[in-house]
Amino acid sequence: MSYEEIMFQNIIEVLILSAIQGISEFLPISSSAHLILVSSLYEFKSSSLLIDISLHLGSLVAIVYYFKEELLNINKNKRLISLIIIGSIPLIIFGYILYTTGLIYSLRNIETIAWTTLIFAIVLYISDKSRFDKKISTNLNIQSILFIGVMQILSLIPGVSRAGVTITAARILKFNRVDSSKISFLLSIPALVAASVLSLKDIFNQPTEFNYLVIIAIISSFIFSFLTVKYFLIFINKFSMNAFVIYRIIIALVLFSLIY
């Protein structure tokens, strides 16, 4: 292949990875599961630790930019920001333990993804059946955010979905769909920061090269992430989670057919 063909292929691969990261990070369908599956099916030559960090950075910038008013107005939203930090502590602690011990890698297999995808599709469906009206501004407290934060630990298992399990937890606590989603999005900020910091630790231990793919990864991941958050909140204000439940079940059945 010529240099131009290799460059074009790398750009296409990064755009595909950006779409998977940006869309699945904030939807209840598990970004880690999709990234693992795609990496298993296709050997992306452009995939690397640096690209992975770039993809997460793009998503992080997008979610911070989307909620910039809430985050910048610290005095007005001091309580909310404090609760989000508190709710993120369980995930950060358990994530660090699983990562440093290497246990996190033992969970990364297609069979685990298939079962968690199916099980948590059912849990999401059950939690979303009723109409609830609790709101962040009046009902989010330490007890509720800790419950959601503890449930978020399950997202360390590929296929569970961080967005899915946090939305499910918030729905169990009777928060409405939009505010459940906003809680999930806000909790993604510390989660993305923690994931990036852990990855940076490894990047110093191996040779890396900053190139044009990094810029493309950050920008494209930002665009996909921002649009996903924006239109998901519009969608969820009018419709239920059933579309995502059905999608998860289909993915699980396809995986089961491949495994068994």
Protein backbone atom coordinates (compact mmCIF):
# COMPACT_ATOMS: atom_id res chain seq x y z
CA MET A 1 0.00 0.00 0.00
CA SER A 2 1.14 3.55 -0.74
CA TYR A 3 1.60 6.13 2.01
CA GLU A 4 -1.59 7.92 0.93
CA GLU A 5 -3.60 4.68 1.12
CA ILE A 6 -2.24 3.85 4.57
CA MET A 7 -3.00 7.38 5.77
CA PHE A 8 -6.57 7.19 4.40
CA GLN A 9 -7.11 3.79 6.05
CA ASN A 10 -5.83 5.09 9.38
CA ILE A 11 -8.14 8.11 9.24
CA ILE A 12 -11.17 5.89 8.48
CA GLU A 13 -10.27 3.60 11.38
CA VAL A 14 -9.93 6.52 13.80
CA LEU A 15 -13.27 7.95 12.65
CA ILE A 16 -14.94 4.56 13.26
CA LEU A 17 -13.38 4.31 16.74
CA SER A 18 -14.42 7.92 17.44
CA ALA A 19 -18.00 7.16 16.47
CA ILE A 20 -18.07 4.07 18.69
CA GLN A 21 -16.55 5.97 21.63
CA GLY A 22 -18.58 9.15 21.24
CA ILE A 23 -21.94 7.44 20.72
CA SER A 24 -21.68 4.43 23.03
CA GLU A 25 -19.99 6.29 25.93
CA PHE A 26 -23.17 8.22 26.67
CA LEU A 27 -25.86 5.80 25.51
CA PRO A 28 -26.91 2.80 27.67
CA ILE A 29 -25.20 0.28 25.35
CA SER A 30 -21.61 -0.01 26.75
CA SER A 31 -18.71 1.70 24.99
CA SER A 32 -16.12 -0.77 26.31
CA ALA A 33 -18.11 -3.71 24.93
CA HIS A 34 -18.35 -2.14 21.49
CA LEU A 35 -14.67 -1.19 21.41
CA ILE A 36 -13.63 -4.69 22.51
CA LEU A 37 -15.91 -6.35 19.96
CA VAL A 38 -14.78 -4.16 17.09
CA SER A 39 -11.13 -4.68 18.04
CA SER A 40 -11.73 -8.45 18.10
CA LEU A 41 -13.41 -8.50 14.70
CA TYR A 42 -11.08 -6.05 12.97
CA GLU A 43 -7.39 -5.51 13.59
CA PHE A 44 -7.23 -1.74 13.47
CA LYS A 45 -3.62 -0.78 12.79
CA SER A 46 -4.24 2.78 13.99
CA SER A 47 -5.52 1.62 17.38
CA SER A 48 -3.10 2.41 20.21
CA LEU A 49 -3.02 3.57 23.82
CA LEU A 50 -2.45 7.16 22.68
CA ILE A 51 -5.47 7.01 20.35
CA ASP A 52 -7.55 5.49 23.16
CA ILE A 53 -6.62 8.39 25.46
CA SER A 54 -7.41 10.85 22.66
CA LEU A 55 -10.86 9.34 22.17
CA HIS A 56 -11.63 9.63 25.89
CA LEU A 57 -10.26 13.18 25.95
CA GLY A 58 -12.60 14.16 23.11
CA SER A 59 -15.58 12.76 25.02
CA LEU A 60 -14.44 14.50 28.21
CA VAL A 61 -14.13 17.90 26.52
CA ALA A 62 -17.55 17.42 24.90
CA ILE A 63 -19.39 16.65 28.13
CA VAL A 64 -17.61 19.47 30.01
CA TYR A 65 -18.49 21.88 27.20
CA TYR A 66 -22.13 20.75 27.17
CA PHE A 67 -22.49 21.31 30.93
CA LYS A 68 -20.18 24.33 31.05
CA GLU A 69 -22.78 26.61 32.65
CA GLU A 70 -23.39 24.21 35.55
CA LEU A 71 -19.67 23.56 36.01
CA LEU A 72 -18.46 27.15 35.71
CA ASN A 73 -21.12 28.56 38.02
CA ILE A 74 -19.51 26.86 41.02
CA ASN A 75 -21.16 29.03 43.68
CA LYS A 76 -24.66 28.28 42.39
CA ASN A 77 -24.00 24.59 41.74
CA LYS A 78 -21.50 23.84 44.53
CA ARG A 79 -23.81 21.21 46.05
CA LEU A 80 -24.38 19.43 42.74
CA ILE A 81 -20.67 19.35 41.89
CA SER A 82 -19.86 18.05 45.39
CA LEU A 83 -22.43 15.27 45.03
CA ILE A 84 -21.03 14.24 41.63
CA ILE A 85 -17.54 14.01 43.14
CA ILE A 86 -18.83 11.94 46.06
CA GLY A 87 -20.76 9.66 43.71
CA SER A 88 -17.62 9.03 41.65
CA ILE A 89 -15.44 7.85 44.55
CA PRO A 90 -16.64 4.19 44.56
CA LEU A 91 -15.92 3.74 40.83
CA ILE A 92 -12.49 5.38 41.07
CA ILE A 93 -11.46 3.20 44.05
CA PHE A 94 -12.66 -0.10 42.60
CA GLY A 95 -11.49 0.81 39.11
CA TYR A 96 -7.99 1.51 40.41
CA ILE A 97 -7.90 -1.81 42.30
CA LEU A 98 -9.08 -3.84 39.30
CA TYR A 99 -6.70 -1.99 36.97
CA THR A 100 -3.56 -2.24 39.12
CA THR A 101 -4.16 -5.92 39.97
CA GLY A 102 -4.88 -6.79 36.35
CA LEU A 103 -8.25 -8.32 37.23
CA ILE A 104 -9.96 -5.92 34.81
CA TYR A 105 -8.48 -7.81 31.85
CA SER A 106 -9.92 -11.16 32.95
CA LEU A 107 -13.41 -9.70 32.48
CA ARG A 108 -12.77 -8.68 28.88
CA ASN A 109 -14.21 -11.61 26.96
CA ILE A 110 -17.13 -11.97 24.56
CA GLU A 111 -19.07 -14.41 26.77
CA THR A 112 -19.09 -11.94 29.66
CA ILE A 113 -20.15 -9.15 27.31
CA ALA A 114 -23.01 -11.25 25.92
CA TRP A 115 -24.48 -12.07 29.34
CA THR A 116 -24.08 -8.59 30.83
CA THR A 117 -25.54 -7.02 27.69
CA LEU A 118 -28.65 -9.18 28.03
CA ILE A 119 -29.07 -9.03 31.81
CA PHE A 120 -28.70 -5.28 32.07
CA ALA A 121 -31.03 -4.76 29.11
CA ILE A 122 -33.73 -6.46 31.17
CA VAL A 123 -32.84 -4.46 34.29
CA LEU A 124 -32.96 -1.21 32.28
CA TYR A 125 -36.38 -2.16 30.87
CA ILE A 126 -37.82 -2.93 34.32
CA SER A 127 -36.47 0.27 35.88
CA ASP A 128 -37.83 2.40 33.03
CA LYS A 129 -41.40 1.04 33.03
CA SER A 130 -42.95 3.52 35.46
CA ARG A 131 -43.32 7.29 35.26
CA PHE A 132 -41.25 9.06 37.89
CA ASP A 133 -40.77 12.76 38.54
CA LYS A 134 -37.90 13.27 40.97
CA LYS A 135 -35.48 16.01 39.88
CA ILE A 136 -31.79 16.76 40.41
CA SER A 137 -32.48 20.22 41.80
CA THR A 138 -34.72 19.05 44.64
CA ASN A 139 -34.20 15.32 45.21
CA LEU A 140 -30.53 14.48 44.58
CA ASN A 141 -28.80 13.94 47.95
CA ILE A 142 -25.83 12.05 49.40
CA GLN A 143 -27.81 8.82 49.89
CA SER A 144 -29.10 8.74 46.32
CA ILE A 145 -25.79 9.70 44.69
CA LEU A 146 -23.94 7.07 46.72
CA PHE A 147 -26.44 4.42 45.61
CA ILE A 148 -25.94 5.44 41.97
CA GLY A 149 -22.17 5.62 42.54
CA VAL A 150 -22.02 2.11 44.00
CA MET A 151 -24.12 0.77 41.12
CA GLN A 152 -21.69 2.48 38.74
CA ILE A 153 -18.97 0.06 39.91
CA LEU A 154 -20.73 -2.64 37.87
CA SER A 155 -19.81 -0.72 34.71
CA LEU A 156 -16.23 -1.94 35.15
CA ILE A 157 -17.56 -5.19 33.70
CA PRO A 158 -17.68 -4.86 29.87
CA GLY A 159 -21.22 -4.97 28.52
CA VAL A 160 -22.88 -3.48 31.60
CA SER A 161 -22.59 0.13 30.33
CA ARG A 162 -21.69 2.96 32.69
CA ALA A 163 -24.43 5.14 31.23
CA GLY A 164 -26.90 2.26 31.34
CA VAL A 165 -26.32 1.26 34.94
CA THR A 166 -26.29 4.84 36.28
CA ILE A 167 -29.50 5.71 34.42
CA THR A 168 -31.03 2.48 35.72
CA ALA A 169 -29.99 3.31 39.28
CA ALA A 170 -31.44 6.82 39.02
CA ARG A 171 -34.69 5.42 37.59
CA ILE A 172 -34.88 2.95 40.49
CA LEU A 173 -34.68 5.99 42.79
CA LYS A 174 -37.62 7.49 40.82
CA PHE A 175 -35.78 10.28 38.98
CA ASN A 176 -37.35 11.23 35.65
CA ARG A 177 -35.65 10.07 32.44
CA VAL A 178 -34.05 13.40 31.54
CA ASP A 179 -32.59 14.03 35.00
CA SER A 180 -31.49 10.39 35.28
CA SER A 181 -29.57 10.90 32.05
CA LYS A 182 -28.08 14.20 33.26
CA ILE A 183 -26.86 12.52 36.45
CA SER A 184 -25.25 9.83 34.30
CA PHE A 185 -23.61 12.42 32.03
CA LEU A 186 -22.23 14.43 34.94
CA LEU A 187 -20.84 11.27 36.55
CA SER A 188 -19.05 10.52 33.28
CA ILE A 189 -16.74 13.52 33.81
CA PRO A 190 -14.80 12.10 36.80
CA ALA A 191 -14.95 8.63 35.19
CA LEU A 192 -13.35 9.88 31.97
CA VAL A 193 -10.74 11.86 33.90
CA ALA A 194 -9.84 8.79 35.98
CA ALA A 195 -9.63 6.55 32.90
CA SER A 196 -7.37 9.05 31.16
CA VAL A 197 -5.08 9.41 34.19
CA LEU A 198 -4.69 5.62 34.52
CA SER A 199 -3.90 5.36 30.81
CA LEU A 200 -1.35 8.17 31.02
CA LYS A 201 0.51 6.13 33.62
CA ASP A 202 1.05 3.39 31.03
CA ILE A 203 1.83 5.68 28.13
CA PHE A 204 5.06 6.84 29.77
CA ASN A 205 6.26 3.22 29.89
CA GLN A 206 6.12 2.70 26.13
CA PRO A 207 7.30 4.64 23.08
CA THR A 208 4.56 6.84 21.62
CA GLU A 209 4.44 9.27 18.76
CA PHE A 210 2.14 12.27 18.62
CA ASN A 211 0.74 12.53 15.08
CA TYR A 212 -2.18 13.78 13.02
CA LEU A 213 -4.34 10.81 14.09
CA VAL A 214 -4.37 12.09 17.67
CA ILE A 215 -5.85 15.43 16.57
CA ILE A 216 -8.42 13.69 14.38
CA ALA A 217 -9.34 11.33 17.25
CA ILE A 218 -9.88 14.18 19.73
CA ILE A 219 -11.91 16.35 17.34
CA SER A 220 -14.07 13.56 15.91
CA SER A 221 -14.70 12.02 19.34
CA PHE A 222 -15.71 15.48 20.61
CA ILE A 223 -18.21 15.92 17.75
CA PHE A 224 -19.77 12.46 18.10
CA SER A 225 -19.93 12.80 21.90
CA PHE A 226 -21.47 16.28 21.90
CA LEU A 227 -24.12 15.38 19.33
CA THR A 228 -24.97 12.16 21.18
CA VAL A 229 -25.52 13.96 24.49
CA LYS A 230 -27.55 16.72 22.87
CA TYR A 231 -29.89 14.52 20.85
CA PHE A 232 -30.16 11.76 23.45
CA LEU A 233 -31.63 14.26 25.93
CA ILE A 234 -34.11 15.41 23.28
CA PHE A 235 -34.99 11.79 22.44
CA ILE A 236 -35.38 10.64 26.03
CA ASN A 237 -37.68 13.57 26.81
CA LYS A 238 -40.21 12.10 24.37
CA PHE A 239 -39.54 8.37 24.30
CA SER A 240 -38.71 5.47 26.63
CA MET A 241 -35.52 3.39 26.79
CA ASN A 242 -37.12 0.56 24.81
CA ALA A 243 -35.06 1.19 21.66
CA PHE A 244 -31.83 0.69 23.62
CA VAL A 245 -33.24 -2.36 25.41
CA ILE A 246 -34.11 -3.97 22.06
CA TYR A 247 -30.69 -3.07 20.62
CA ARG A 248 -28.92 -4.69 23.59
CA ILE A 249 -31.01 -7.86 23.30
CA ILE A 250 -30.23 -8.14 19.58
CA ILE A 251 -26.50 -7.69 20.24
CA ALA A 252 -26.64 -10.30 23.02
CA LEU A 253 -28.43 -12.83 20.80
CA VAL A 254 -25.89 -12.32 18.01
CA LEU A 255 -23.05 -12.88 20.47
CA PHE A 256 -24.71 -15.98 21.90
CA SER A 257 -25.05 -17.41 18.39
CA LEU A 258 -21.32 -16.87 17.85
CA ILE A 259 -20.32 -18.35 21.20
CA TYR A 260 -22.65 -21.32 21.49
